[in-house]
């Protein structure tokens, strides 16, 4: 958190694979707890640990956090430039251009009845349609 300003560690975090794996195990344990399972493997996620992780900003659902981060960046881009045509290699924010393209491809796959390679919930589709990235 001190280095990046957030606790959204991806499962495949290459700089520290142990940390990425540990975060993935915590998220899995939390998900199982939400489904009524108390313990999975050696992990028994207790309420005090959940509380401590949430206090530092740990995200249980990485996809949600990343989606909203990029979505807000897209909204700011549109406010500045008046459109959502983010270049794939946008110099000010290269990941934003790649994310926008990935969201468009995912949406198109869903529209064609194909299985998407990424998660794109109905709520997210609605947000992306409202801002003008997809479905125009």
N, C-alpha and C. Protein backbone atom coordinates (compact mmCIF):
# COMPACT_ATOMS: atom_id res chain seq x y z
N UNK A 1 0.84 -1.20 0.00
CA UNK A 1 0.00 0.00 0.00
C UNK A 1 0.87 1.25 0.00
N UNK A 2 1.94 1.24 0.76
CA UNK A 2 2.81 2.41 0.81
C UNK A 2 3.42 2.72 -0.56
N UNK A 3 3.75 1.68 -1.31
CA UNK A 3 4.40 1.88 -2.60
C UNK A 3 3.42 2.28 -3.70
N UNK A 4 2.23 1.65 -3.73
CA UNK A 4 1.29 1.86 -4.83
C UNK A 4 0.05 2.67 -4.46
N UNK A 5 -0.17 2.87 -3.17
CA UNK A 5 -1.33 3.65 -2.73
C UNK A 5 -2.62 2.86 -2.64
N UNK A 6 -2.55 1.54 -2.79
CA UNK A 6 -3.73 0.69 -2.69
C UNK A 6 -3.30 -0.71 -2.29
N UNK A 7 -4.29 -1.55 -1.98
CA UNK A 7 -4.03 -2.94 -1.59
C UNK A 7 -4.62 -3.93 -2.58
N UNK A 8 -4.76 -3.52 -3.81
CA UNK A 8 -5.35 -4.38 -4.84
C UNK A 8 -4.23 -5.19 -5.50
N UNK A 9 -3.76 -6.19 -4.80
CA UNK A 9 -2.67 -7.03 -5.31
C UNK A 9 -3.26 -8.10 -6.21
N UNK A 10 -2.84 -8.16 -7.47
CA UNK A 10 -3.37 -9.21 -8.35
C UNK A 10 -2.80 -10.58 -8.00
N UNK A 11 -3.52 -11.61 -8.37
CA UNK A 11 -3.09 -12.99 -8.09
C UNK A 11 -1.73 -13.28 -8.70
N UNK A 12 -1.48 -12.72 -9.85
CA UNK A 12 -0.25 -13.01 -10.60
C UNK A 12 0.76 -11.88 -10.47
N UNK A 13 0.86 -11.28 -9.31
CA UNK A 13 1.77 -10.16 -9.08
C UNK A 13 3.21 -10.64 -9.21
N UNK A 14 3.86 -10.29 -10.30
CA UNK A 14 5.17 -10.84 -10.63
C UNK A 14 6.29 -10.33 -9.73
N UNK A 15 6.15 -9.13 -9.15
CA UNK A 15 7.20 -8.61 -8.28
C UNK A 15 7.29 -9.35 -6.95
N UNK A 16 6.19 -9.98 -6.55
CA UNK A 16 6.17 -10.71 -5.28
C UNK A 16 5.10 -11.80 -5.40
N UNK A 17 5.48 -12.92 -5.98
CA UNK A 17 4.51 -13.99 -6.23
C UNK A 17 3.91 -14.54 -4.94
N UNK A 18 4.69 -14.55 -3.86
CA UNK A 18 4.16 -15.03 -2.57
C UNK A 18 3.03 -14.14 -2.09
N UNK A 19 3.20 -12.82 -2.22
CA UNK A 19 2.15 -11.89 -1.80
C UNK A 19 0.90 -12.08 -2.66
N UNK A 20 1.08 -12.20 -3.97
CA UNK A 20 -0.06 -12.42 -4.85
C UNK A 20 -0.80 -13.70 -4.51
N UNK A 21 -0.05 -14.76 -4.23
CA UNK A 21 -0.66 -16.04 -3.87
C UNK A 21 -1.40 -15.94 -2.54
N UNK A 22 -0.79 -15.27 -1.56
CA UNK A 22 -1.42 -15.11 -0.26
C UNK A 22 -2.73 -14.32 -0.40
N UNK A 23 -2.70 -13.24 -1.16
CA UNK A 23 -3.92 -12.44 -1.36
C UNK A 23 -5.01 -13.27 -2.04
N UNK A 24 -4.60 -14.08 -3.01
CA UNK A 24 -5.56 -14.95 -3.68
C UNK A 24 -6.18 -15.94 -2.70
N UNK A 25 -5.36 -16.49 -1.82
CA UNK A 25 -5.88 -17.43 -0.81
C UNK A 25 -6.85 -16.73 0.14
N UNK A 26 -6.54 -15.49 0.53
CA UNK A 26 -7.44 -14.73 1.41
C UNK A 26 -8.76 -14.46 0.71
N UNK A 27 -8.70 -14.09 -0.56
CA UNK A 27 -9.93 -13.82 -1.32
C UNK A 27 -10.77 -15.09 -1.49
N UNK A 28 -10.11 -16.20 -1.74
CA UNK A 28 -10.82 -17.48 -1.87
C UNK A 28 -11.48 -17.86 -0.55
N UNK A 29 -10.74 -17.69 0.53
CA UNK A 29 -11.29 -18.01 1.86
C UNK A 29 -12.49 -17.11 2.16
N UNK A 30 -12.38 -15.84 1.82
CA UNK A 30 -13.48 -14.89 2.05
C UNK A 30 -14.70 -15.27 1.22
N UNK A 31 -14.47 -15.61 -0.04
CA UNK A 31 -15.56 -16.01 -0.91
C UNK A 31 -16.26 -17.26 -0.36
N UNK A 32 -15.47 -18.22 0.09
CA UNK A 32 -16.04 -19.44 0.65
C UNK A 32 -16.81 -19.15 1.94
N UNK A 33 -16.30 -18.24 2.74
CA UNK A 33 -16.98 -17.84 3.96
C UNK A 33 -18.34 -17.21 3.63
N UNK A 34 -18.38 -16.40 2.57
CA UNK A 34 -19.62 -15.78 2.14
C UNK A 34 -20.63 -16.82 1.66
N UNK A 35 -20.12 -17.96 1.20
CA UNK A 35 -20.99 -19.04 0.73
C UNK A 35 -21.36 -20.01 1.85
N UNK A 36 -20.94 -19.71 3.08
CA UNK A 36 -21.29 -20.55 4.22
C UNK A 36 -20.28 -21.61 4.58
N UNK A 37 -19.17 -21.64 3.90
CA UNK A 37 -18.11 -22.59 4.24
C UNK A 37 -17.18 -21.92 5.24
N UNK A 38 -16.89 -22.58 6.34
CA UNK A 38 -16.09 -21.97 7.40
C UNK A 38 -14.59 -21.99 7.10
N UNK A 39 -14.11 -23.10 6.65
CA UNK A 39 -12.67 -23.26 6.50
C UNK A 39 -12.37 -24.01 5.21
N UNK A 40 -11.37 -23.53 4.52
CA UNK A 40 -10.94 -24.20 3.30
C UNK A 40 -9.45 -24.47 3.44
N UNK A 41 -9.07 -25.72 3.37
CA UNK A 41 -7.67 -26.07 3.55
C UNK A 41 -7.18 -25.64 4.92
N UNK A 42 -6.05 -24.98 4.94
CA UNK A 42 -5.47 -24.53 6.20
C UNK A 42 -5.91 -23.12 6.59
N UNK A 43 -6.74 -22.51 5.78
CA UNK A 43 -7.11 -21.11 6.02
C UNK A 43 -8.45 -21.03 6.75
N UNK A 44 -8.40 -20.43 7.91
CA UNK A 44 -9.61 -20.16 8.68
C UNK A 44 -9.65 -18.64 8.85
N UNK A 45 -10.38 -17.97 7.99
CA UNK A 45 -10.43 -16.52 7.97
C UNK A 45 -11.40 -16.03 9.03
N UNK A 46 -10.84 -15.47 10.09
CA UNK A 46 -11.66 -15.03 11.22
C UNK A 46 -12.06 -13.56 11.06
N UNK A 47 -13.14 -13.18 11.73
CA UNK A 47 -13.64 -11.80 11.59
C UNK A 47 -12.59 -10.72 11.90
N UNK A 48 -11.72 -10.96 12.87
CA UNK A 48 -10.73 -9.93 13.20
C UNK A 48 -9.73 -9.74 12.06
N UNK A 49 -9.37 -10.81 11.35
CA UNK A 49 -8.47 -10.67 10.20
C UNK A 49 -9.17 -9.95 9.06
N UNK A 50 -10.44 -10.28 8.83
CA UNK A 50 -11.21 -9.60 7.79
C UNK A 50 -11.24 -8.10 8.10
N UNK A 51 -11.52 -7.77 9.35
CA UNK A 51 -11.59 -6.37 9.75
C UNK A 51 -10.25 -5.66 9.57
N UNK A 52 -9.16 -6.29 9.96
CA UNK A 52 -7.84 -5.68 9.81
C UNK A 52 -7.50 -5.46 8.33
N UNK A 53 -7.82 -6.45 7.49
CA UNK A 53 -7.54 -6.30 6.07
C UNK A 53 -8.39 -5.18 5.45
N UNK A 54 -9.63 -5.10 5.84
CA UNK A 54 -10.50 -4.05 5.31
C UNK A 54 -10.05 -2.67 5.79
N UNK A 55 -9.52 -2.59 7.01
CA UNK A 55 -9.03 -1.31 7.54
C UNK A 55 -7.90 -0.73 6.70
N UNK A 56 -7.09 -1.59 6.11
CA UNK A 56 -5.98 -1.10 5.29
C UNK A 56 -6.36 -0.97 3.81
N UNK A 57 -7.62 -1.29 3.51
CA UNK A 57 -8.09 -1.11 2.13
C UNK A 57 -7.97 -2.34 1.24
N UNK A 58 -7.83 -3.51 1.84
CA UNK A 58 -7.74 -4.75 1.06
C UNK A 58 -9.03 -4.94 0.28
N UNK A 59 -8.90 -5.30 -0.99
CA UNK A 59 -10.06 -5.51 -1.86
C UNK A 59 -10.32 -7.01 -2.01
N UNK A 60 -11.53 -7.42 -1.66
CA UNK A 60 -11.89 -8.84 -1.76
C UNK A 60 -12.20 -9.21 -3.21
N UNK A 61 -12.63 -8.26 -3.99
CA UNK A 61 -13.01 -8.52 -5.37
C UNK A 61 -12.16 -7.63 -6.28
N UNK A 62 -11.03 -8.14 -6.71
CA UNK A 62 -10.06 -7.37 -7.49
C UNK A 62 -10.67 -6.85 -8.78
N UNK A 63 -11.47 -7.66 -9.45
CA UNK A 63 -12.05 -7.25 -10.73
C UNK A 63 -12.90 -5.99 -10.55
N UNK A 64 -13.66 -5.93 -9.46
CA UNK A 64 -14.49 -4.74 -9.20
C UNK A 64 -13.62 -3.51 -9.04
N UNK A 65 -12.59 -3.62 -8.23
CA UNK A 65 -11.72 -2.48 -7.95
C UNK A 65 -11.03 -1.99 -9.23
N UNK A 66 -10.51 -2.92 -10.01
CA UNK A 66 -9.82 -2.54 -11.24
C UNK A 66 -10.78 -1.95 -12.26
N UNK A 67 -11.98 -2.54 -12.35
CA UNK A 67 -12.96 -1.99 -13.28
C UNK A 67 -13.26 -0.54 -12.93
N UNK A 68 -13.57 -0.29 -11.68
CA UNK A 68 -13.95 1.06 -11.28
C UNK A 68 -12.79 2.06 -11.40
N UNK A 69 -11.59 1.61 -11.17
CA UNK A 69 -10.42 2.47 -11.36
C UNK A 69 -10.35 2.92 -12.82
N UNK A 70 -10.38 1.96 -13.74
CA UNK A 70 -10.30 2.30 -15.15
C UNK A 70 -11.54 3.07 -15.63
N UNK A 71 -12.70 2.72 -15.11
CA UNK A 71 -13.92 3.42 -15.50
C UNK A 71 -13.81 4.91 -15.15
N UNK A 72 -13.34 5.21 -13.95
CA UNK A 72 -13.20 6.62 -13.54
C UNK A 72 -12.14 7.34 -14.38
N UNK A 73 -11.10 6.62 -14.76
CA UNK A 73 -10.10 7.20 -15.66
C UNK A 73 -10.72 7.50 -17.03
N UNK A 74 -11.60 6.60 -17.50
CA UNK A 74 -12.28 6.81 -18.77
C UNK A 74 -13.21 8.02 -18.71
N UNK A 75 -13.93 8.15 -17.62
CA UNK A 75 -14.82 9.31 -17.45
C UNK A 75 -13.99 10.60 -17.49
N UNK A 76 -12.85 10.62 -16.82
CA UNK A 76 -11.98 11.79 -16.82
C UNK A 76 -11.45 12.07 -18.23
N UNK A 77 -11.10 11.00 -18.96
CA UNK A 77 -10.65 11.15 -20.35
C UNK A 77 -11.74 11.80 -21.19
N UNK A 78 -12.97 11.31 -21.04
CA UNK A 78 -14.09 11.85 -21.82
C UNK A 78 -14.35 13.31 -21.47
N UNK A 79 -14.26 13.65 -20.19
CA UNK A 79 -14.46 15.04 -19.78
C UNK A 79 -13.40 15.95 -20.41
N UNK A 80 -12.19 15.45 -20.53
CA UNK A 80 -11.10 16.25 -21.08
C UNK A 80 -11.15 16.36 -22.61
N UNK A 81 -11.43 15.21 -23.27
CA UNK A 81 -11.34 15.16 -24.74
C UNK A 81 -12.68 15.14 -25.45
N UNK A 82 -13.79 14.89 -24.72
CA UNK A 82 -15.11 14.91 -25.33
C UNK A 82 -15.51 13.63 -26.02
N UNK A 83 -14.73 12.58 -25.88
CA UNK A 83 -15.05 11.28 -26.51
C UNK A 83 -14.37 10.16 -25.71
N UNK A 84 -14.69 8.93 -26.10
CA UNK A 84 -14.12 7.75 -25.43
C UNK A 84 -13.17 6.97 -26.33
N UNK A 85 -12.68 7.58 -27.38
CA UNK A 85 -11.77 6.90 -28.30
C UNK A 85 -10.34 6.96 -27.76
N UNK A 86 -10.10 6.25 -26.68
CA UNK A 86 -8.79 6.24 -26.05
C UNK A 86 -7.84 5.45 -26.95
N UNK A 87 -6.72 6.06 -27.37
CA UNK A 87 -5.76 5.31 -28.19
C UNK A 87 -5.22 4.11 -27.43
N UNK A 88 -4.99 3.03 -28.15
CA UNK A 88 -4.45 1.83 -27.51
C UNK A 88 -3.18 2.12 -26.73
N UNK A 89 -2.35 2.99 -27.28
CA UNK A 89 -1.09 3.34 -26.63
C UNK A 89 -1.15 4.79 -26.16
N UNK A 90 -2.16 5.11 -25.38
CA UNK A 90 -2.35 6.46 -24.85
C UNK A 90 -1.18 6.80 -23.94
N UNK A 91 -0.39 7.78 -24.34
CA UNK A 91 0.86 8.10 -23.64
C UNK A 91 0.66 8.45 -22.18
N UNK A 92 -0.43 9.15 -21.86
CA UNK A 92 -0.66 9.57 -20.48
C UNK A 92 -1.09 8.43 -19.56
N UNK A 93 -1.62 7.37 -20.14
CA UNK A 93 -2.12 6.25 -19.34
C UNK A 93 -2.24 5.02 -20.23
N UNK A 94 -1.12 4.37 -20.57
CA UNK A 94 -1.17 3.21 -21.48
C UNK A 94 -2.15 2.11 -21.07
N UNK A 95 -2.27 1.77 -19.77
CA UNK A 95 -3.22 0.72 -19.43
C UNK A 95 -4.68 1.07 -19.76
N UNK A 96 -5.03 2.35 -19.75
CA UNK A 96 -6.41 2.74 -20.03
C UNK A 96 -6.80 2.38 -21.45
N UNK A 97 -5.93 2.67 -22.42
CA UNK A 97 -6.23 2.33 -23.81
C UNK A 97 -6.41 0.84 -24.01
N UNK A 98 -5.55 0.06 -23.39
CA UNK A 98 -5.65 -1.41 -23.50
C UNK A 98 -6.93 -1.91 -22.83
N UNK A 99 -7.27 -1.35 -21.69
CA UNK A 99 -8.48 -1.75 -20.97
C UNK A 99 -9.73 -1.44 -21.79
N UNK A 100 -9.77 -0.24 -22.39
CA UNK A 100 -10.93 0.14 -23.20
C UNK A 100 -11.11 -0.84 -24.36
N UNK A 101 -10.02 -1.16 -25.04
CA UNK A 101 -10.11 -2.11 -26.15
C UNK A 101 -10.59 -3.48 -25.66
N UNK A 102 -10.07 -3.92 -24.52
CA UNK A 102 -10.48 -5.21 -23.96
C UNK A 102 -11.97 -5.22 -23.61
N UNK A 103 -12.48 -4.11 -23.07
CA UNK A 103 -13.90 -4.02 -22.73
C UNK A 103 -14.76 -4.06 -23.99
N UNK A 104 -14.32 -3.38 -25.06
CA UNK A 104 -15.06 -3.39 -26.32
C UNK A 104 -15.08 -4.79 -26.93
N UNK A 105 -13.95 -5.47 -26.91
CA UNK A 105 -13.88 -6.84 -27.44
C UNK A 105 -14.77 -7.77 -26.63
N UNK A 106 -14.71 -7.64 -25.32
CA UNK A 106 -15.53 -8.49 -24.44
C UNK A 106 -17.00 -8.25 -24.70
N UNK A 107 -17.40 -7.00 -24.79
CA UNK A 107 -18.80 -6.66 -25.07
C UNK A 107 -19.24 -7.24 -26.42
N UNK A 108 -18.41 -7.09 -27.43
CA UNK A 108 -18.75 -7.62 -28.76
C UNK A 108 -18.90 -9.13 -28.73
N UNK A 109 -18.04 -9.81 -28.00
CA UNK A 109 -18.15 -11.28 -27.88
C UNK A 109 -19.48 -11.67 -27.23
N UNK A 110 -19.86 -10.93 -26.20
CA UNK A 110 -21.14 -11.20 -25.53
C UNK A 110 -22.29 -10.98 -26.50
N UNK A 111 -22.24 -9.89 -27.27
CA UNK A 111 -23.29 -9.58 -28.22
C UNK A 111 -23.42 -10.64 -29.31
N UNK A 112 -22.30 -11.28 -29.67
CA UNK A 112 -22.31 -12.32 -30.70
C UNK A 112 -22.63 -13.70 -30.13
N UNK A 113 -22.92 -13.77 -28.82
CA UNK A 113 -23.25 -15.04 -28.20
C UNK A 113 -22.03 -15.90 -27.89
N UNK A 114 -20.87 -15.32 -27.96
CA UNK A 114 -19.64 -16.06 -27.68
C UNK A 114 -19.29 -15.91 -26.20
N UNK A 115 -18.50 -16.85 -25.71
CA UNK A 115 -18.06 -16.77 -24.32
C UNK A 115 -16.96 -15.72 -24.20
N UNK A 116 -17.18 -14.73 -23.31
CA UNK A 116 -16.14 -13.70 -23.16
C UNK A 116 -14.94 -14.25 -22.38
N UNK A 117 -13.79 -13.66 -22.64
CA UNK A 117 -12.57 -14.07 -21.93
C UNK A 117 -12.38 -13.29 -20.64
N UNK A 118 -13.17 -12.26 -20.45
CA UNK A 118 -13.09 -11.41 -19.26
C UNK A 118 -14.47 -11.31 -18.63
N UNK A 119 -14.47 -10.85 -17.40
CA UNK A 119 -15.73 -10.60 -16.70
C UNK A 119 -16.26 -9.25 -17.12
N UNK A 120 -17.53 -9.20 -17.48
CA UNK A 120 -18.20 -7.95 -17.80
C UNK A 120 -19.65 -8.09 -17.36
N UNK A 121 -19.93 -7.64 -16.15
CA UNK A 121 -21.27 -7.80 -15.57
C UNK A 121 -22.27 -6.88 -16.25
N UNK A 122 -23.55 -7.18 -16.12
CA UNK A 122 -24.58 -6.30 -16.68
C UNK A 122 -24.48 -4.86 -16.15
N UNK A 123 -24.13 -4.71 -14.87
CA UNK A 123 -23.97 -3.36 -14.30
C UNK A 123 -22.82 -2.62 -14.98
N UNK A 124 -21.73 -3.33 -15.23
CA UNK A 124 -20.58 -2.71 -15.88
C UNK A 124 -20.92 -2.34 -17.33
N UNK A 125 -21.65 -3.23 -18.01
CA UNK A 125 -22.07 -2.93 -19.38
C UNK A 125 -22.89 -1.65 -19.40
N UNK A 126 -23.80 -1.51 -18.45
CA UNK A 126 -24.63 -0.31 -18.38
C UNK A 126 -23.77 0.94 -18.18
N UNK A 127 -22.79 0.88 -17.30
CA UNK A 127 -21.90 2.02 -17.08
C UNK A 127 -21.13 2.38 -18.35
N UNK A 128 -20.63 1.37 -19.03
CA UNK A 128 -19.84 1.60 -20.24
C UNK A 128 -20.71 2.13 -21.37
N UNK A 129 -21.96 1.70 -21.42
CA UNK A 129 -22.89 2.24 -22.41
C UNK A 129 -23.22 3.71 -22.11
N UNK A 130 -23.44 4.01 -20.83
CA UNK A 130 -23.77 5.38 -20.44
C UNK A 130 -22.66 6.37 -20.77
N UNK A 131 -21.41 5.94 -20.59
CA UNK A 131 -20.29 6.83 -20.87
C UNK A 131 -19.99 6.90 -22.36
N UNK A 132 -20.46 5.90 -23.12
CA UNK A 132 -20.28 5.92 -24.57
C UNK A 132 -19.14 5.10 -25.10
N UNK A 133 -18.64 4.15 -24.31
CA UNK A 133 -17.55 3.30 -24.80
C UNK A 133 -18.08 2.16 -25.66
N UNK A 134 -19.24 1.62 -25.30
CA UNK A 134 -19.79 0.46 -26.01
C UNK A 134 -21.27 0.69 -26.33
N UNK A 135 -21.76 -0.12 -27.27
CA UNK A 135 -23.18 -0.15 -27.56
C UNK A 135 -23.76 1.08 -28.21
N UNK A 136 -22.95 1.82 -28.93
CA UNK A 136 -23.44 3.05 -29.55
C UNK A 136 -23.96 2.79 -30.93
